[in-house]
Every structure is written in C-alpha cells, then in structure tokens.
Amino acid sequence: MKVILLENIKRVGSIGEIIDVKRGFGRNFLIANKKALYASKENINQVEKIKADLSKKDNQKKQDAKEVFNSINKKIFKIKKLSTENNELYGSVKPTEISKLILENEKIEIKPSMIQPVKEIKSLGKFKTKIYLHSDVEAEITIDVESAELIK
C-alpha cells in the first residue's frame, strides 16, 4: 500500500515522501492518526501544494518538543508502589502512570504512547525511561520506585 507522509516519522520517512507500507500499518496507524494519506493522484498534488506549510508545522512541533525536553530531560520522578519483602512490585509501572506523574509534577501533558521504559519496571529502584517527543527529539528521565508499604 502506498501512502504519502504528512510528518516526519522515525525509521519510516519524512514529510511528503511516498512510501510503501503494509496495509495494517498504513490503515490502522498512519492514516488513522493523520500521519499519512493514501497515495492517490489528487492527494499527491494536494501534498505538493502544502508541503511548505507541513514543514513549518513540523518545525513548530519540534520547537515545542525541545521546550518540553529542556524542562524534563534528566529529571528524576519518584513514585510509591506497594511491594513485597523481596522488593518486587504488585504489577508494574506503566506508561500511563508515568504520564500522570509528569503531569502532576511538571504540568506537562505527555501521551503514554510517547513513553518507552528501557526495561519493564517491576521492582523497587531507579529505572531509565525514554520519552519520544518528536522524531528528532527524545528525552530521558529516571523513575525512582519506592515502597509505599510492605505487605506480608
């Protein structure tokens, strides 16, 4: 399936590029999230006309991402979770919780889909987490998981 990208996407392509992708990825992700259009003749002509505008929007998104990057990069966020006596958590710390934590502490809204823990957070300790703010901007924060109380 051929699509035209409407924004820069890491490891996929850049604005205005016509690429071949699998049907599911094209329909369910790129087109559904308004990151691409079907590569029809009308759409190709339309994208050629608005390419400069799309580049400006992308640069604006990049600037916004850099501002967020400057305010959260290398920060440590503490979270208290219930744990067992051998320091394992009941459940794990999910991107949605990390997103809420950043919103509470920094008043910055980050979608859970942008958050990628380096490894699953299932025990107490410090864990590095990457946040993909833009295709060219990624921040790294540390999640410090502390015990809320011990359950025996």
N, C-alpha and C. Protein backbone atom coordinates (compact mmCIF):
# COMPACT_ATOMS: atom_id res chain seq x y z
N MET A 1 0.84 -1.18 0.00
CA MET A 1 0.00 0.00 0.00
C MET A 1 0.89 1.24 0.00
N LYS A 2 0.63 2.16 -0.89
CA LYS A 2 1.42 3.38 -0.97
C LYS A 2 0.70 4.51 -0.24
N VAL A 3 1.48 5.23 0.59
CA VAL A 3 0.95 6.38 1.33
C VAL A 3 1.90 7.56 1.21
N ILE A 4 1.36 8.76 1.46
CA ILE A 4 2.17 9.98 1.48
C ILE A 4 2.25 10.43 2.93
N LEU A 5 3.48 10.61 3.43
CA LEU A 5 3.65 11.01 4.83
C LEU A 5 3.35 12.50 5.01
N LEU A 6 2.62 12.81 6.09
CA LEU A 6 2.30 14.20 6.41
C LEU A 6 3.18 14.76 7.52
N GLU A 7 4.04 13.90 8.10
CA GLU A 7 5.00 14.37 9.10
C GLU A 7 6.21 13.44 9.10
N ASN A 8 7.29 13.91 9.71
CA ASN A 8 8.50 13.08 9.81
C ASN A 8 8.24 11.98 10.83
N ILE A 9 8.54 10.75 10.43
CA ILE A 9 8.36 9.62 11.34
C ILE A 9 9.66 8.84 11.36
N LYS A 10 10.19 8.67 12.58
CA LYS A 10 11.47 7.98 12.75
C LYS A 10 11.42 6.58 12.14
N ARG A 11 12.46 6.23 11.41
CA ARG A 11 12.63 4.92 10.75
C ARG A 11 11.57 4.60 9.69
N VAL A 12 10.77 5.62 9.30
CA VAL A 12 9.77 5.38 8.26
C VAL A 12 10.02 6.31 7.07
N GLY A 13 10.06 7.63 7.33
CA GLY A 13 10.31 8.57 6.25
C GLY A 13 10.06 10.00 6.69
N SER A 14 10.13 10.92 5.70
CA SER A 14 9.95 12.33 6.02
C SER A 14 8.75 12.91 5.27
N ILE A 15 8.40 14.14 5.60
CA ILE A 15 7.22 14.82 5.05
C ILE A 15 7.19 14.77 3.52
N GLY A 16 6.02 14.44 2.97
CA GLY A 16 5.82 14.46 1.53
C GLY A 16 6.34 13.24 0.80
N GLU A 17 7.03 12.37 1.51
CA GLU A 17 7.60 11.18 0.89
C GLU A 17 6.51 10.15 0.61
N ILE A 18 6.56 9.51 -0.54
CA ILE A 18 5.61 8.44 -0.87
C ILE A 18 6.31 7.13 -0.58
N ILE A 19 5.75 6.37 0.37
CA ILE A 19 6.39 5.13 0.78
C ILE A 19 5.42 3.96 0.66
N ASP A 20 5.99 2.77 0.61
CA ASP A 20 5.21 1.55 0.56
C ASP A 20 5.20 0.93 1.95
N VAL A 21 4.03 0.74 2.52
CA VAL A 21 3.93 0.14 3.85
C VAL A 21 2.93 -1.01 3.83
N LYS A 22 2.96 -1.82 4.87
CA LYS A 22 1.98 -2.90 4.98
C LYS A 22 0.61 -2.29 5.23
N ARG A 23 -0.42 -2.96 4.71
CA ARG A 23 -1.80 -2.46 4.80
C ARG A 23 -2.23 -2.10 6.22
N GLY A 24 -1.98 -2.98 7.19
CA GLY A 24 -2.40 -2.75 8.57
C GLY A 24 -1.75 -1.52 9.16
N PHE A 25 -0.43 -1.38 8.95
CA PHE A 25 0.31 -0.24 9.48
C PHE A 25 -0.20 1.05 8.84
N GLY A 26 -0.42 1.00 7.54
CA GLY A 26 -0.90 2.18 6.82
C GLY A 26 -2.27 2.63 7.28
N ARG A 27 -3.22 1.67 7.28
CA ARG A 27 -4.61 2.00 7.63
C ARG A 27 -4.80 2.26 9.12
N ASN A 28 -4.28 1.35 9.95
CA ASN A 28 -4.57 1.41 11.39
C ASN A 28 -3.73 2.40 12.16
N PHE A 29 -2.54 2.75 11.65
CA PHE A 29 -1.70 3.68 12.40
C PHE A 29 -1.51 5.00 11.64
N LEU A 30 -0.89 4.93 10.47
CA LEU A 30 -0.53 6.17 9.77
C LEU A 30 -1.76 7.00 9.38
N ILE A 31 -2.72 6.39 8.70
CA ILE A 31 -3.89 7.14 8.24
C ILE A 31 -4.82 7.45 9.40
N ALA A 32 -5.02 6.49 10.31
CA ALA A 32 -5.90 6.70 11.47
C ALA A 32 -5.41 7.85 12.35
N ASN A 33 -4.09 8.01 12.48
CA ASN A 33 -3.53 9.09 13.31
C ASN A 33 -3.18 10.34 12.52
N LYS A 34 -3.68 10.40 11.30
CA LYS A 34 -3.46 11.56 10.40
C LYS A 34 -1.98 11.86 10.19
N LYS A 35 -1.18 10.81 10.10
CA LYS A 35 0.24 10.96 9.81
C LYS A 35 0.53 10.72 8.33
N ALA A 36 -0.49 10.22 7.60
CA ALA A 36 -0.31 9.93 6.18
C ALA A 36 -1.66 9.95 5.46
N LEU A 37 -1.57 10.02 4.12
CA LEU A 37 -2.75 9.94 3.24
C LEU A 37 -2.51 8.83 2.22
N TYR A 38 -3.60 8.26 1.69
CA TYR A 38 -3.45 7.31 0.57
C TYR A 38 -2.76 8.03 -0.58
N ALA A 39 -1.92 7.32 -1.32
CA ALA A 39 -1.16 7.95 -2.42
C ALA A 39 -1.96 7.95 -3.72
N SER A 40 -3.05 8.73 -3.75
CA SER A 40 -3.81 8.90 -4.99
C SER A 40 -3.28 10.13 -5.71
N LYS A 41 -3.63 10.28 -6.99
CA LYS A 41 -3.13 11.44 -7.76
C LYS A 41 -3.55 12.76 -7.13
N GLU A 42 -4.81 12.83 -6.66
CA GLU A 42 -5.31 14.07 -6.03
C GLU A 42 -4.52 14.39 -4.76
N ASN A 43 -4.31 13.36 -3.94
CA ASN A 43 -3.59 13.56 -2.69
C ASN A 43 -2.13 13.96 -2.94
N ILE A 44 -1.50 13.37 -3.95
CA ILE A 44 -0.11 13.72 -4.28
C ILE A 44 -0.03 15.20 -4.66
N ASN A 45 -0.97 15.67 -5.51
CA ASN A 45 -0.99 17.08 -5.90
C ASN A 45 -1.25 17.99 -4.71
N GLN A 46 -2.17 17.58 -3.84
CA GLN A 46 -2.51 18.37 -2.66
C GLN A 46 -1.31 18.50 -1.72
N VAL A 47 -0.59 17.39 -1.50
CA VAL A 47 0.56 17.41 -0.59
C VAL A 47 1.69 18.26 -1.18
N GLU A 48 1.88 18.22 -2.50
CA GLU A 48 2.91 19.07 -3.13
C GLU A 48 2.63 20.55 -2.83
N LYS A 49 1.36 20.93 -2.86
CA LYS A 49 0.99 22.33 -2.63
C LYS A 49 1.20 22.74 -1.17
N ILE A 50 0.93 21.82 -0.24
CA ILE A 50 1.00 22.20 1.18
C ILE A 50 2.28 21.71 1.88
N LYS A 51 3.24 21.25 1.10
CA LYS A 51 4.48 20.71 1.68
C LYS A 51 5.21 21.74 2.56
N ALA A 52 5.30 22.97 2.08
CA ALA A 52 6.00 24.02 2.85
C ALA A 52 5.27 24.27 4.17
N ASP A 53 3.94 24.30 4.10
CA ASP A 53 3.14 24.51 5.31
C ASP A 53 3.35 23.36 6.30
N LEU A 54 3.39 22.13 5.78
CA LEU A 54 3.63 20.96 6.64
C LEU A 54 5.00 21.05 7.30
N SER A 55 6.00 21.51 6.55
CA SER A 55 7.35 21.66 7.11
C SER A 55 7.36 22.68 8.24
N LYS A 56 6.63 23.78 8.06
CA LYS A 56 6.55 24.81 9.12
C LYS A 56 5.90 24.22 10.37
N LYS A 57 4.80 23.48 10.17
CA LYS A 57 4.12 22.86 11.31
C LYS A 57 5.05 21.88 12.01
N ASP A 58 5.81 21.10 11.23
CA ASP A 58 6.73 20.14 11.81
C ASP A 58 7.83 20.85 12.61
N ASN A 59 8.33 21.96 12.07
CA ASN A 59 9.35 22.73 12.79
C ASN A 59 8.78 23.30 14.10
N GLN A 60 7.50 23.71 14.08
CA GLN A 60 6.86 24.22 15.28
C GLN A 60 6.74 23.10 16.31
N LYS A 61 6.33 21.91 15.86
CA LYS A 61 6.22 20.76 16.76
C LYS A 61 7.59 20.44 17.37
N LYS A 62 8.63 20.57 16.54
CA LYS A 62 9.99 20.29 17.00
C LYS A 62 10.40 21.30 18.07
N GLN A 63 10.07 22.58 17.87
CA GLN A 63 10.38 23.62 18.86
C GLN A 63 9.66 23.34 20.18
N ASP A 64 8.36 22.98 20.08
CA ASP A 64 7.59 22.65 21.28
C ASP A 64 8.21 21.45 22.00
N ALA A 65 8.63 20.47 21.22
CA ALA A 65 9.24 19.26 21.79
C ALA A 65 10.54 19.63 22.50
N LYS A 66 11.31 20.56 21.93
CA LYS A 66 12.57 20.98 22.56
C LYS A 66 12.32 21.69 23.89
N GLU A 67 11.23 22.47 23.96
CA GLU A 67 10.89 23.15 25.22
C GLU A 67 10.55 22.13 26.29
N VAL A 68 9.76 21.11 25.91
CA VAL A 68 9.41 20.05 26.85
C VAL A 68 10.67 19.29 27.26
N PHE A 69 11.54 19.03 26.27
CA PHE A 69 12.81 18.34 26.51
C PHE A 69 13.62 19.08 27.56
N ASN A 70 13.75 20.40 27.41
CA ASN A 70 14.53 21.21 28.35
C ASN A 70 13.97 21.17 29.77
N SER A 71 12.65 21.02 29.89
CA SER A 71 12.08 21.04 31.25
C SER A 71 12.03 19.66 31.91
N ILE A 72 12.10 18.55 31.15
CA ILE A 72 12.03 17.24 31.81
C ILE A 72 13.26 16.36 31.65
N ASN A 73 14.14 16.65 30.71
CA ASN A 73 15.28 15.76 30.47
C ASN A 73 16.15 15.61 31.71
N LYS A 74 16.57 14.39 32.00
CA LYS A 74 17.47 14.03 33.12
C LYS A 74 16.84 14.22 34.50
N LYS A 75 15.52 14.47 34.57
CA LYS A 75 14.88 14.64 35.87
C LYS A 75 14.55 13.28 36.47
N ILE A 76 14.40 13.28 37.79
CA ILE A 76 14.04 12.05 38.50
C ILE A 76 12.63 12.23 39.06
N PHE A 77 11.75 11.30 38.72
CA PHE A 77 10.38 11.33 39.22
C PHE A 77 10.20 10.17 40.20
N LYS A 78 9.72 10.49 41.41
CA LYS A 78 9.52 9.45 42.42
C LYS A 78 8.08 8.96 42.39
N ILE A 79 7.93 7.65 42.56
CA ILE A 79 6.60 7.05 42.62
C ILE A 79 6.60 5.99 43.71
N LYS A 80 5.54 5.97 44.50
CA LYS A 80 5.43 4.97 45.57
C LYS A 80 4.47 3.89 45.13
N LYS A 81 4.93 2.63 45.27
CA LYS A 81 4.11 1.47 44.88
C LYS A 81 4.15 0.43 45.99
N LEU A 82 3.10 -0.38 46.07
CA LEU A 82 3.08 -1.49 47.01
C LEU A 82 4.07 -2.55 46.55
N SER A 83 4.84 -3.11 47.51
CA SER A 83 5.84 -4.10 47.13
C SER A 83 5.90 -5.23 48.15
N THR A 84 6.52 -6.33 47.74
CA THR A 84 6.71 -7.47 48.64
C THR A 84 8.00 -7.27 49.41
N GLU A 85 8.29 -8.18 50.35
CA GLU A 85 9.52 -8.02 51.14
C GLU A 85 10.78 -8.23 50.31
N ASN A 86 10.68 -8.91 49.15
CA ASN A 86 11.88 -9.04 48.30
C ASN A 86 11.89 -8.00 47.17
N ASN A 87 11.33 -6.83 47.45
CA ASN A 87 11.38 -5.64 46.59
C ASN A 87 10.74 -5.78 45.22
N GLU A 88 9.83 -6.71 45.06
CA GLU A 88 9.10 -6.81 43.79
C GLU A 88 7.76 -6.10 43.93
N LEU A 89 7.32 -5.50 42.83
CA LEU A 89 6.07 -4.76 42.86
C LEU A 89 4.88 -5.68 42.58
N TYR A 90 3.74 -5.27 43.10
CA TYR A 90 2.50 -5.92 42.70
C TYR A 90 2.08 -5.23 41.41
N GLY A 91 2.28 -5.91 40.28
CA GLY A 91 2.04 -5.28 38.98
C GLY A 91 3.32 -4.60 38.53
N SER A 92 3.16 -3.56 37.71
CA SER A 92 4.33 -2.83 37.22
C SER A 92 3.95 -1.37 37.02
N VAL A 93 4.96 -0.54 36.76
CA VAL A 93 4.71 0.87 36.49
C VAL A 93 4.54 1.01 34.98
N LYS A 94 3.36 1.44 34.57
CA LYS A 94 3.01 1.54 33.15
C LYS A 94 3.20 2.98 32.63
N PRO A 95 3.33 3.14 31.31
CA PRO A 95 3.46 4.48 30.73
C PRO A 95 2.33 5.44 31.13
N THR A 96 1.10 4.93 31.32
CA THR A 96 0.01 5.82 31.74
C THR A 96 0.28 6.44 33.11
N GLU A 97 0.86 5.64 34.03
CA GLU A 97 1.20 6.16 35.36
C GLU A 97 2.32 7.20 35.25
N ILE A 98 3.30 6.91 34.41
CA ILE A 98 4.43 7.84 34.23
C ILE A 98 3.91 9.15 33.65
N SER A 99 2.98 9.06 32.70
CA SER A 99 2.37 10.24 32.09
C SER A 99 1.66 11.09 33.15
N LYS A 100 0.89 10.45 34.03
CA LYS A 100 0.19 11.18 35.12
C LYS A 100 1.19 11.81 36.08
N LEU A 101 2.27 11.10 36.36
CA LEU A 101 3.31 11.59 37.27
C LEU A 101 3.95 12.87 36.72
N ILE A 102 4.26 12.88 35.42
CA ILE A 102 4.86 14.06 34.79
C ILE A 102 3.85 15.21 34.79
N LEU A 103 2.59 14.90 34.53
CA LEU A 103 1.55 15.94 34.53
C LEU A 103 1.41 16.57 35.92
N GLU A 104 1.42 15.74 36.97
CA GLU A 104 1.30 16.26 38.34
C GLU A 104 2.50 17.11 38.73
N ASN A 105 3.72 16.64 38.41
CA ASN A 105 4.94 17.32 38.85
C ASN A 105 5.35 18.49 37.98
N GLU A 106 5.21 18.36 36.66
CA GLU A 106 5.73 19.39 35.75
C GLU A 106 4.64 20.16 35.00
N LYS A 107 3.38 19.75 35.14
CA LYS A 107 2.25 20.37 34.42
C LYS A 107 2.46 20.27 32.90
N ILE A 108 3.06 19.16 32.47
CA ILE A 108 3.30 18.91 31.04
C ILE A 108 2.56 17.64 30.67
N GLU A 109 1.74 17.72 29.61
CA GLU A 109 0.98 16.55 29.20
C GLU A 109 1.76 15.77 28.15
N ILE A 110 2.02 14.50 28.44
CA ILE A 110 2.73 13.62 27.52
C ILE A 110 1.88 12.38 27.31
N LYS A 111 1.67 12.02 26.06
CA LYS A 111 0.86 10.83 25.76
C LYS A 111 1.62 9.58 26.19
N PRO A 112 0.91 8.61 26.78
CA PRO A 112 1.57 7.36 27.19
C PRO A 112 2.27 6.65 26.02
N SER A 113 1.77 6.82 24.80
CA SER A 113 2.40 6.17 23.64
C SER A 113 3.79 6.73 23.35
N MET A 114 4.11 7.91 23.87
CA MET A 114 5.43 8.52 23.65
C MET A 114 6.47 8.01 24.66
N ILE A 115 6.00 7.32 25.70
CA ILE A 115 6.87 6.89 26.80
C ILE A 115 7.30 5.45 26.59
N GLN A 116 8.60 5.22 26.65
CA GLN A 116 9.15 3.88 26.42
C GLN A 116 10.16 3.55 27.51
N PRO A 117 9.74 2.79 28.56
CA PRO A 117 10.72 2.39 29.57
C PRO A 117 11.82 1.53 28.93
N VAL A 118 13.09 1.73 29.35
CA VAL A 118 14.20 0.97 28.79
C VAL A 118 14.00 -0.51 29.10
N LYS A 119 13.57 -0.81 30.34
CA LYS A 119 13.15 -2.18 30.65
C LYS A 119 11.93 -2.10 31.56
N GLU A 120 11.16 -3.17 31.61
CA GLU A 120 9.93 -3.15 32.38
C GLU A 120 10.18 -2.83 33.85
N ILE A 121 9.34 -1.99 34.43
CA ILE A 121 9.51 -1.56 35.81
C ILE A 121 8.65 -2.46 36.70
N LYS A 122 9.28 -3.50 37.29
CA LYS A 122 8.54 -4.46 38.10
C LYS A 122 9.11 -4.62 39.51
N SER A 123 10.09 -3.77 39.87
CA SER A 123 10.67 -3.86 41.21
C SER A 123 11.03 -2.46 41.70
N LEU A 124 11.47 -2.38 42.95
CA LEU A 124 11.89 -1.09 43.50
C LEU A 124 13.24 -0.70 42.90
N GLY A 125 13.51 0.60 42.85
CA GLY A 125 14.80 1.07 42.34
C GLY A 125 14.62 2.18 41.33
N LYS A 126 15.72 2.50 40.62
CA LYS A 126 15.70 3.57 39.63
C LYS A 126 15.73 2.97 38.23
N PHE A 127 14.87 3.49 37.37
CA PHE A 127 14.75 2.97 36.02
C PHE A 127 14.78 4.11 35.01
N LYS A 128 15.60 3.95 33.98
CA LYS A 128 15.66 4.95 32.90
C LYS A 128 14.47 4.74 31.97
N THR A 129 13.90 5.85 31.52
CA THR A 129 12.76 5.82 30.62
C THR A 129 12.97 6.84 29.52
N LYS A 130 12.77 6.42 28.27
CA LYS A 130 12.90 7.34 27.14
C LYS A 130 11.53 7.91 26.80
N ILE A 131 11.50 9.18 26.44
CA ILE A 131 10.28 9.83 26.01
C ILE A 131 10.53 10.41 24.62
N TYR A 132 9.79 9.88 23.64
CA TYR A 132 9.96 10.33 22.25
C TYR A 132 9.01 11.49 22.00
N LEU A 133 9.55 12.71 22.09
CA LEU A 133 8.75 13.92 21.96
C LEU A 133 8.51 14.31 20.50
N HIS A 134 9.45 13.93 19.63
CA HIS A 134 9.40 14.27 18.20
C HIS A 134 10.32 13.28 17.52
N SER A 135 10.23 13.15 16.20
CA SER A 135 11.10 12.19 15.52
C SER A 135 12.59 12.52 15.72
N ASP A 136 12.91 13.79 16.03
CA ASP A 136 14.31 14.18 16.24
C ASP A 136 14.63 14.50 17.70
N VAL A 137 13.64 14.50 18.59
CA VAL A 137 13.86 14.91 19.98
C VAL A 137 13.39 13.81 20.93
N GLU A 138 14.33 13.28 21.71
CA GLU A 138 13.93 12.31 22.72
C GLU A 138 14.60 12.64 24.05
N ALA A 139 13.79 12.65 25.10
CA ALA A 139 14.29 12.96 26.45
C ALA A 139 14.46 11.65 27.21
N GLU A 140 15.27 11.72 28.26
CA GLU A 140 15.44 10.56 29.11
C GLU A 140 15.21 11.00 30.55
N ILE A 141 14.30 10.31 31.24
CA ILE A 141 14.03 10.61 32.64
C ILE A 141 14.31 9.35 33.47
N THR A 142 14.37 9.53 34.78
CA THR A 142 14.56 8.40 35.68
C THR A 142 13.33 8.28 36.56
N ILE A 143 12.81 7.07 36.64
CA ILE A 143 11.68 6.79 37.52
C ILE A 143 12.24 6.10 38.76
N ASP A 144 12.09 6.73 39.92
CA ASP A 144 12.57 6.18 41.18
C ASP A 144 11.39 5.54 41.90
N VAL A 145 11.34 4.21 41.91
CA VAL A 145 10.24 3.48 42.52
C VAL A 145 10.58 3.18 43.98
N GLU A 146 9.75 3.71 44.89
CA GLU A 146 9.95 3.49 46.32
C GLU A 146 8.78 2.68 46.86
N SER A 147 9.00 2.04 47.98
CA SER A 147 7.96 1.22 48.58
C SER A 147 6.96 2.08 49.34
N ALA A 148 5.67 1.88 49.06
CA ALA A 148 4.65 2.60 49.80
C ALA A 148 4.53 1.97 51.20
N GLU A 149 4.48 0.67 51.23
CA GLU A 149 4.49 -0.07 52.50
C GLU A 149 4.71 -1.54 52.17
N LEU A 150 5.18 -2.27 53.15
CA LEU A 150 5.43 -3.69 52.92
C LEU A 150 4.18 -4.49 53.22
N ILE A 151 3.88 -5.44 52.37
CA ILE A 151 2.74 -6.33 52.60
C ILE A 151 3.28 -7.71 52.82
N LYS A 152 2.88 -8.36 53.92
CA LYS A 152 3.43 -9.69 54.22
C LYS A 152 2.38 -10.74 54.08
